[in-house]
Amino acid sequence: MIRVKLCGLMSVQDAAAAGQCRPDFAGMILAPGFRRTVTPETAAAIRQTLDAAIPAVGVFVGAQPDEIAAYANRGIIQYVQLHGSEDAADLRRLRQVCALPVIQAFRIKSADDLKKAAQSKADYILLDSGTGTGERLDWTLLKDFPRPYLLAGGLTPENVAEAVRMLRPFGVDVSSGIETVGRKDAGKMRRFTEAARSI
C-alpha cells in the first residue's frame, strides 16, 4: 500500500487532525527560517499529541549531526529528513551519532538530479520540486527511476490519485496541498489520504 506523509505540522491541533487520518509519517520542519518552522517545545508537543504508532519525521536543512541527534534522543522524532545539500560524508557523520532512518530529499530539475538521488546512501529518498513551495514536480522526469521513492511537489487531494496511478511511488508527501490560507486543513488532510490510498 502507498505510504502517506503529512508534512509541515505546526501545532498540536494539526497533529490531532493528522492523527485522525492515520498517515504513515507526520513531518515537522525543524530547520530555522521557514514559514512552517516549529520550536523544539512545539515539536515535543506535536510528538506527544500524535499516536505513538505514527512516526514523526524531523525535516532539517544543513543541521549539525549533534543537533539532529538531540531531537532523536528526546524521542521527538523517529525519522530524519535531510533537505539541504548534504553529501555522503555528511550522512556518515550523522549516522555516527544518530541511529534513526534517514530520508534524503532531492530537488529534481534535470536528469543529473535524478542520478544523484538514485545514488544516495540514505534509507529512503524523496523527490521534490523545491522546499514546500507547492510547485508541481515534472512527473515525466521520473519515468523508469530505478529505486523506490517518496513523491512530493505540488500534490493535492485532487491530483494525488493520478500521481500514484501513473508513477507507483513508494509514498507521497504533502504540505502546501493540505492547507487553506496557509494553515493545515483537516478536511484536505483526510481527502488527500483517502485519495492516495484509493489506488
C-alpha atoms as a PDB file:
ATOM      1  CA  MET A   1       0.000   0.000   0.000  1.00  0.00           C
ATOM      2  CA  ILE A   2       1.129   3.550  -0.709  1.00  0.00           C
ATOM      3  CA  ARG A   3       2.736   5.373   2.224  1.00  0.00           C
ATOM      4  CA  VAL A   4       1.386   8.810   3.104  1.00  0.00           C
ATOM      5  CA  LYS A   5       3.430  11.551   4.765  1.00  0.00           C
ATOM      6  CA  LEU A   6       1.590  14.628   6.014  1.00  0.00           C
ATOM      7  CA  CYS A   7       4.269  17.265   6.491  1.00  0.00           C
ATOM      8  CA  GLY A   8       4.675  20.761   7.884  1.00  0.00           C
ATOM      9  CA  LEU A   9       2.612  20.254  11.039  1.00  0.00           C
ATOM     10  CA  MET A  10       2.757  23.444  13.091  1.00  0.00           C
ATOM     11  CA  SER A  11       0.602  22.831  16.171  1.00  0.00           C
ATOM     12  CA  VAL A  12      -0.974  20.208  18.385  1.00  0.00           C
ATOM     13  CA  GLN A  13      -4.232  20.903  16.536  1.00  0.00           C
ATOM     14  CA  ASP A  14      -2.505  19.948  13.272  1.00  0.00           C
ATOM     15  CA  ALA A  15      -1.169  16.806  14.945  1.00  0.00           C
ATOM     16  CA  ALA A  16      -4.606  15.812  16.215  1.00  0.00           C
ATOM     17  CA  ALA A  17      -6.146  16.326  12.760  1.00  0.00           C
ATOM     18  CA  ALA A  18      -3.340  14.399  11.064  1.00  0.00           C
ATOM     19  CA  GLY A  19      -3.688  11.564  13.551  1.00  0.00           C
ATOM     20  CA  GLN A  20      -7.313  11.083  12.555  1.00  0.00           C
ATOM     21  CA  CYS A  21      -6.104  10.261   9.029  1.00  0.00           C
ATOM     22  CA  ARG A  22      -3.644   7.591  10.218  1.00  0.00           C
ATOM     23  CA  PRO A  23      -0.740   8.669   7.964  1.00  0.00           C
ATOM     24  CA  ASP A  24       2.376   6.539   7.754  1.00  0.00           C
ATOM     25  CA  PHE A  25       4.544   9.556   8.660  1.00  0.00           C
ATOM     26  CA  ALA A  26       3.929  13.015  10.132  1.00  0.00           C
ATOM     27  CA  GLY A  27       6.531  15.689   9.398  1.00  0.00           C
ATOM     28  CA  MET A  28       7.715  18.794  11.235  1.00  0.00           C
ATOM     29  CA  ILE A  29      10.070  21.483   9.927  1.00  0.00           C
ATOM     30  CA  LEU A  30      12.907  21.769  12.434  1.00  0.00           C
ATOM     31  CA  ALA A  31      15.121  23.986  10.267  1.00  0.00           C
ATOM     32  CA  PRO A  32      15.120  27.720  11.077  1.00  0.00           C
ATOM     33  CA  GLY A  33      13.822  30.359   8.723  1.00  0.00           C
ATOM     34  CA  PHE A  34      10.834  28.689   7.087  1.00  0.00           C
ATOM     35  CA  ARG A  35       7.180  29.632   7.434  1.00  0.00           C
ATOM     36  CA  ARG A  36       6.323  26.246   8.933  1.00  0.00           C
ATOM     37  CA  THR A  37       9.327  26.015  11.280  1.00  0.00           C
ATOM     38  CA  VAL A  38       8.398  24.895  14.803  1.00  0.00           C
ATOM     39  CA  THR A  39      10.322  25.313  18.035  1.00  0.00           C
ATOM     40  CA  PRO A  40      11.710  22.306  19.928  1.00  0.00           C
ATOM     41  CA  GLU A  41       8.933  22.799  22.505  1.00  0.00           C
ATOM     42  CA  THR A  42       6.197  22.756  19.860  1.00  0.00           C
ATOM     43  CA  ALA A  43       7.814  19.751  18.196  1.00  0.00           C
ATOM     44  CA  ALA A  44       7.740  17.877  21.510  1.00  0.00           C
ATOM     45  CA  ALA A  45       4.058  18.757  21.986  1.00  0.00           C
ATOM     46  CA  ILE A  46       3.242  17.594  18.465  1.00  0.00           C
ATOM     47  CA  ARG A  47       5.026  14.276  19.105  1.00  0.00           C
ATOM     48  CA  GLN A  48       3.124  13.839  22.350  1.00  0.00           C
ATOM     49  CA  THR A  49      -0.194  14.510  20.580  1.00  0.00           C
ATOM     50  CA  LEU A  50       0.436  12.086  17.727  1.00  0.00           C
ATOM     51  CA  ASP A  51      -0.472   8.448  18.190  1.00  0.00           C
ATOM     52  CA  ALA A  52       2.689   6.574  19.172  1.00  0.00           C
ATOM     53  CA  ALA A  53       2.243   4.329  16.115  1.00  0.00           C
ATOM     54  CA  ILE A  54       2.705   7.289  13.733  1.00  0.00           C
ATOM     55  CA  PRO A  55       6.414   8.074  13.264  1.00  0.00           C
ATOM     56  CA  ALA A  56       7.366  11.743  13.420  1.00  0.00           C
ATOM     57  CA  VAL A  57       9.814  12.982  10.797  1.00  0.00           C
ATOM     58  CA  GLY A  58      12.108  15.893  11.572  1.00  0.00           C
ATOM     59  CA  VAL A  59      12.992  17.950   8.495  1.00  0.00           C
ATOM     60  CA  PHE A  60      16.443  19.587   8.664  1.00  0.00           C
ATOM     61  CA  VAL A  61      18.407  21.806   6.280  1.00  0.00           C
ATOM     62  CA  GLY A  62      22.159  21.854   6.822  1.00  0.00           C
ATOM     63  CA  ALA A  63      21.883  20.976  10.524  1.00  0.00           C
ATOM     64  CA  GLN A  64      24.797  19.669  12.561  1.00  0.00           C
ATOM     65  CA  PRO A  65      24.581  15.940  13.421  1.00  0.00           C
ATOM     66  CA  ASP A  66      24.533  16.670  17.177  1.00  0.00           C
ATOM     67  CA  GLU A  67      21.519  18.969  16.738  1.00  0.00           C
ATOM     68  CA  ILE A  68      19.614  16.222  14.939  1.00  0.00           C
ATOM     69  CA  ALA A  69      20.681  13.623  17.498  1.00  0.00           C
ATOM     70  CA  ALA A  70      19.305  15.808  20.306  1.00  0.00           C
ATOM     71  CA  TYR A  71      15.792  15.523  18.846  1.00  0.00           C
ATOM     72  CA  ALA A  72      16.238  11.785  18.362  1.00  0.00           C
ATOM     73  CA  ASN A  73      17.496  11.255  21.899  1.00  0.00           C
ATOM     74  CA  ARG A  74      14.460  13.051  23.328  1.00  0.00           C
ATOM     75  CA  GLY A  75      12.133  10.803  21.337  1.00  0.00           C
ATOM     76  CA  ILE A  76      10.672  13.760  19.437  1.00  0.00           C
ATOM     77  CA  ILE A  77      11.421  12.263  16.025  1.00  0.00           C
ATOM     78  CA  GLN A  78      11.659   8.706  14.686  1.00  0.00           C
ATOM     79  CA  TYR A  79      12.929   9.594  11.193  1.00  0.00           C
ATOM     80  CA  VAL A  80      15.356  12.241   9.934  1.00  0.00           C
ATOM     81  CA  GLN A  81      14.728  14.067   6.651  1.00  0.00           C
ATOM     82  CA  LEU A  82      17.653  15.956   5.129  1.00  0.00           C
ATOM     83  CA  HIS A  83      16.517  18.705   2.781  1.00  0.00           C
ATOM     84  CA  GLY A  84      19.774  20.566   2.188  1.00  0.00           C
ATOM     85  CA  SER A  85      22.901  19.854   0.168  1.00  0.00           C
ATOM     86  CA  GLU A  86      24.132  17.037   2.398  1.00  0.00           C
ATOM     87  CA  ASP A  87      26.515  14.566   0.758  1.00  0.00           C
ATOM     88  CA  ALA A  88      27.653  11.020   1.564  1.00  0.00           C
ATOM     89  CA  ALA A  89      30.197  12.288   4.107  1.00  0.00           C
ATOM     90  CA  ASP A  90      27.502  14.262   5.935  1.00  0.00           C
ATOM     91  CA  LEU A  91      25.348  11.150   6.028  1.00  0.00           C
ATOM     92  CA  ARG A  92      28.185   9.111   7.522  1.00  0.00           C
ATOM     93  CA  ARG A  93      28.784  11.740  10.221  1.00  0.00           C
ATOM     94  CA  LEU A  94      25.093  11.783  11.079  1.00  0.00           C
ATOM     95  CA  ARG A  95      24.977   8.002  11.415  1.00  0.00           C
ATOM     96  CA  GLN A  96      27.837   8.091  13.905  1.00  0.00           C
ATOM     97  CA  VAL A  97      25.618   9.935  16.407  1.00  0.00           C
ATOM     98  CA  CYS A  98      22.058   9.074  15.327  1.00  0.00           C
ATOM     99  CA  ALA A  99      20.644   5.627  14.567  1.00  0.00           C
ATOM    100  CA  LEU A 100      17.326   6.786  13.068  1.00  0.00           C
ATOM    101  CA  PRO A 101      16.392   6.005   9.451  1.00  0.00           C
ATOM    102  CA  VAL A 102      17.238   8.849   7.067  1.00  0.00           C
ATOM    103  CA  ILE A 103      15.141  10.253   4.227  1.00  0.00           C
ATOM    104  CA  GLN A 104      17.189  12.384   1.838  1.00  0.00           C
ATOM    105  CA  ALA A 105      15.290  14.910  -0.255  1.00  0.00           C
ATOM    106  CA  PHE A 106      16.353  15.962  -3.740  1.00  0.00           C
ATOM    107  CA  ARG A 107      15.092  18.902  -5.790  1.00  0.00           C
ATOM    108  CA  ILE A 108      14.571  17.441  -9.233  1.00  0.00           C
ATOM    109  CA  LYS A 109      15.089  19.722 -12.220  1.00  0.00           C
ATOM    110  CA  SER A 110      17.152  17.510 -14.542  1.00  0.00           C
ATOM    111  CA  ALA A 111      18.424  14.018 -15.280  1.00  0.00           C
ATOM    112  CA  ASP A 112      21.583  14.838 -13.301  1.00  0.00           C
ATOM    113  CA  ASP A 113      19.479  15.481 -10.192  1.00  0.00           C
ATOM    114  CA  LEU A 114      17.831  12.099 -10.627  1.00  0.00           C
ATOM    115  CA  LYS A 115      21.213  10.395 -10.981  1.00  0.00           C
ATOM    116  CA  LYS A 116      22.372  11.885  -7.665  1.00  0.00           C
ATOM    117  CA  ALA A 117      19.144  10.789  -5.987  1.00  0.00           C
ATOM    118  CA  ALA A 118      19.464   7.249  -7.297  1.00  0.00           C
ATOM    119  CA  GLN A 119      22.987   7.000  -5.840  1.00  0.00           C
ATOM    120  CA  SER A 120      22.072   8.269  -2.359  1.00  0.00           C
ATOM    121  CA  LYS A 121      23.071   6.076   0.582  1.00  0.00           C
ATOM    122  CA  ALA A 122      20.051   7.250   2.606  1.00  0.00           C
ATOM    123  CA  ASP A 123      17.472   4.701   3.734  1.00  0.00           C
ATOM    124  CA  TYR A 124      14.772   6.479   1.714  1.00  0.00           C
ATOM    125  CA  ILE A 125      14.778   9.246  -0.850  1.00  0.00           C
ATOM    126  CA  LEU A 126      12.244  11.964  -1.536  1.00  0.00           C
ATOM    127  CA  LEU A 127      11.906  13.615  -4.935  1.00  0.00           C
ATOM    128  CA  ASP A 128      10.613  17.186  -4.777  1.00  0.00           C
ATOM    129  CA  SER A 129      10.372  20.377  -6.799  1.00  0.00           C
ATOM    130  CA  GLY A 130      11.574  22.678  -4.002  1.00  0.00           C
ATOM    131  CA  THR A 131      11.045  23.213  -0.272  1.00  0.00           C
ATOM    132  CA  GLY A 132       7.355  23.488   0.499  1.00  0.00           C
ATOM    133  CA  THR A 133       6.583  25.768  -2.429  1.00  0.00           C
ATOM    134  CA  GLY A 134       3.609  23.774  -3.681  1.00  0.00           C
ATOM    135  CA  GLU A 135       5.133  23.740  -7.175  1.00  0.00           C
ATOM    136  CA  ARG A 136       4.394  20.523  -9.028  1.00  0.00           C
ATOM    137  CA  LEU A 137       7.316  18.295  -9.933  1.00  0.00           C
ATOM    138  CA  ASP A 138       7.573  17.346 -13.603  1.00  0.00           C
ATOM    139  CA  TRP A 139       6.370  13.757 -13.345  1.00  0.00           C
ATOM    140  CA  THR A 140       7.674  12.857 -16.809  1.00  0.00           C
ATOM    141  CA  LEU A 141      11.235  13.110 -15.463  1.00  0.00           C
ATOM    142  CA  LEU A 142      10.572  10.169 -13.132  1.00  0.00           C
ATOM    143  CA  LYS A 143       9.818   7.560 -15.774  1.00  0.00           C
ATOM    144  CA  ASP A 144      11.893   4.414 -15.144  1.00  0.00           C
ATOM    145  CA  PHE A 145      13.504   5.804 -11.983  1.00  0.00           C
ATOM    146  CA  PRO A 146      15.402   2.799 -10.558  1.00  0.00           C
ATOM    147  CA  ARG A 147      14.604   2.846  -6.821  1.00  0.00           C
ATOM    148  CA  PRO A 148      11.597   3.382  -4.533  1.00  0.00           C
ATOM    149  CA  TYR A 149      10.942   6.998  -3.579  1.00  0.00           C
ATOM    150  CA  LEU A 150       8.578   9.364  -1.833  1.00  0.00           C
ATOM    151  CA  LEU A 151       6.982  11.793  -4.288  1.00  0.00           C
ATOM    152  CA  ALA A 152       6.491  15.430  -3.270  1.00  0.00           C
ATOM    153  CA  GLY A 153       5.947  18.744  -5.014  1.00  0.00           C
ATOM    154  CA  GLY A 154       2.529  20.191  -5.777  1.00  0.00           C
ATOM    155  CA  LEU A 155       0.470  17.201  -4.679  1.00  0.00           C
ATOM    156  CA  THR A 156      -3.137  17.869  -3.678  1.00  0.00           C
ATOM    157  CA  PRO A 157      -6.244  15.838  -2.827  1.00  0.00           C
ATOM    158  CA  GLU A 158      -7.281  16.374  -6.448  1.00  0.00           C
ATOM    159  CA  ASN A 159      -4.148  15.061  -8.205  1.00  0.00           C
ATOM    160  CA  VAL A 160      -2.544  12.572  -5.824  1.00  0.00           C
ATOM    161  CA  ALA A 161      -4.516   9.580  -7.114  1.00  0.00           C
ATOM    162  CA  GLU A 162      -3.365  10.380 -10.653  1.00  0.00           C
ATOM    163  CA  ALA A 163       0.237  10.605  -9.447  1.00  0.00           C
ATOM    164  CA  VAL A 164       0.035   7.257  -7.655  1.00  0.00           C
ATOM    165  CA  ARG A 165      -1.603   5.595 -10.652  1.00  0.00           C
ATOM    166  CA  MET A 166       0.956   6.987 -13.097  1.00  0.00           C
ATOM    167  CA  LEU A 167       4.194   6.669 -11.111  1.00  0.00           C
ATOM    168  CA  ARG A 168       3.613   3.993  -8.453  1.00  0.00           C
ATOM    169  CA  PRO A 169       5.900   5.677  -5.906  1.00  0.00           C
ATOM    170  CA  PHE A 170       6.786   4.134  -2.557  1.00  0.00           C
ATOM    171  CA  GLY A 171       4.956   7.022  -0.904  1.00  0.00           C
ATOM    172  CA  VAL A 172       3.612  10.550  -1.263  1.00  0.00           C
ATOM    173  CA  ASP A 173       4.463  13.650   0.759  1.00  0.00           C
ATOM    174  CA  VAL A 174       2.296  16.750   1.080  1.00  0.00           C
ATOM    175  CA  SER A 175       2.334  20.073   2.922  1.00  0.00           C
ATOM    176  CA  SER A 176       1.023  23.018   0.889  1.00  0.00           C
ATOM    177  CA  GLY A 177      -1.642  20.823  -0.710  1.00  0.00           C
ATOM    178  CA  ILE A 178      -3.384  20.212   2.628  1.00  0.00           C
ATOM    179  CA  GLU A 179      -3.558  23.875   3.624  1.00  0.00           C
ATOM    180  CA  THR A 180      -6.154  26.613   3.310  1.00  0.00           C
ATOM    181  CA  VAL A 181      -4.883  30.186   3.620  1.00  0.00           C
ATOM    182  CA  GLY A 182      -1.562  28.905   4.937  1.00  0.00           C
ATOM    183  CA  ARG A 183      -2.967  26.709   7.705  1.00  0.00           C
ATOM    184  CA  LYS A 184      -3.444  22.948   7.801  1.00  0.00           C
ATOM    185  CA  ASP A 185      -6.962  21.907   6.786  1.00  0.00           C
ATOM    186  CA  ALA A 186      -8.322  18.746   8.429  1.00  0.00           C
ATOM    187  CA  GLY A 187     -10.717  18.085   5.550  1.00  0.00           C
ATOM    188  CA  LYS A 188      -7.947  18.301   2.972  1.00  0.00           C
ATOM    189  CA  MET A 189      -5.752  16.007   5.075  1.00  0.00           C
ATOM    190  CA  ARG A 190      -8.487  13.404   5.098  1.00  0.00           C
ATOM    191  CA  ARG A 191      -9.289  13.734   1.387  1.00  0.00           C
ATOM    192  CA  PHE A 192      -5.616  13.559   0.435  1.00  0.00           C
ATOM    193  CA  THR A 193      -5.000  10.407   2.467  1.00  0.00           C
ATOM    194  CA  GLU A 194      -8.118   8.713   1.159  1.00  0.00           C
ATOM    195  CA  ALA A 195      -7.333   9.624  -2.467  1.00  0.00           C
ATOM    196  CA  ALA A 196      -3.737   8.403  -2.201  1.00  0.00           C
ATOM    197  CA  ARG A 197      -4.846   5.074  -0.768  1.00  0.00           C
ATOM    198  CA  SER A 198      -7.693   4.603  -3.239  1.00  0.00           C
ATOM    199  CA  ILE A 199      -5.370   3.293  -5.948  1.00  0.00           C
END
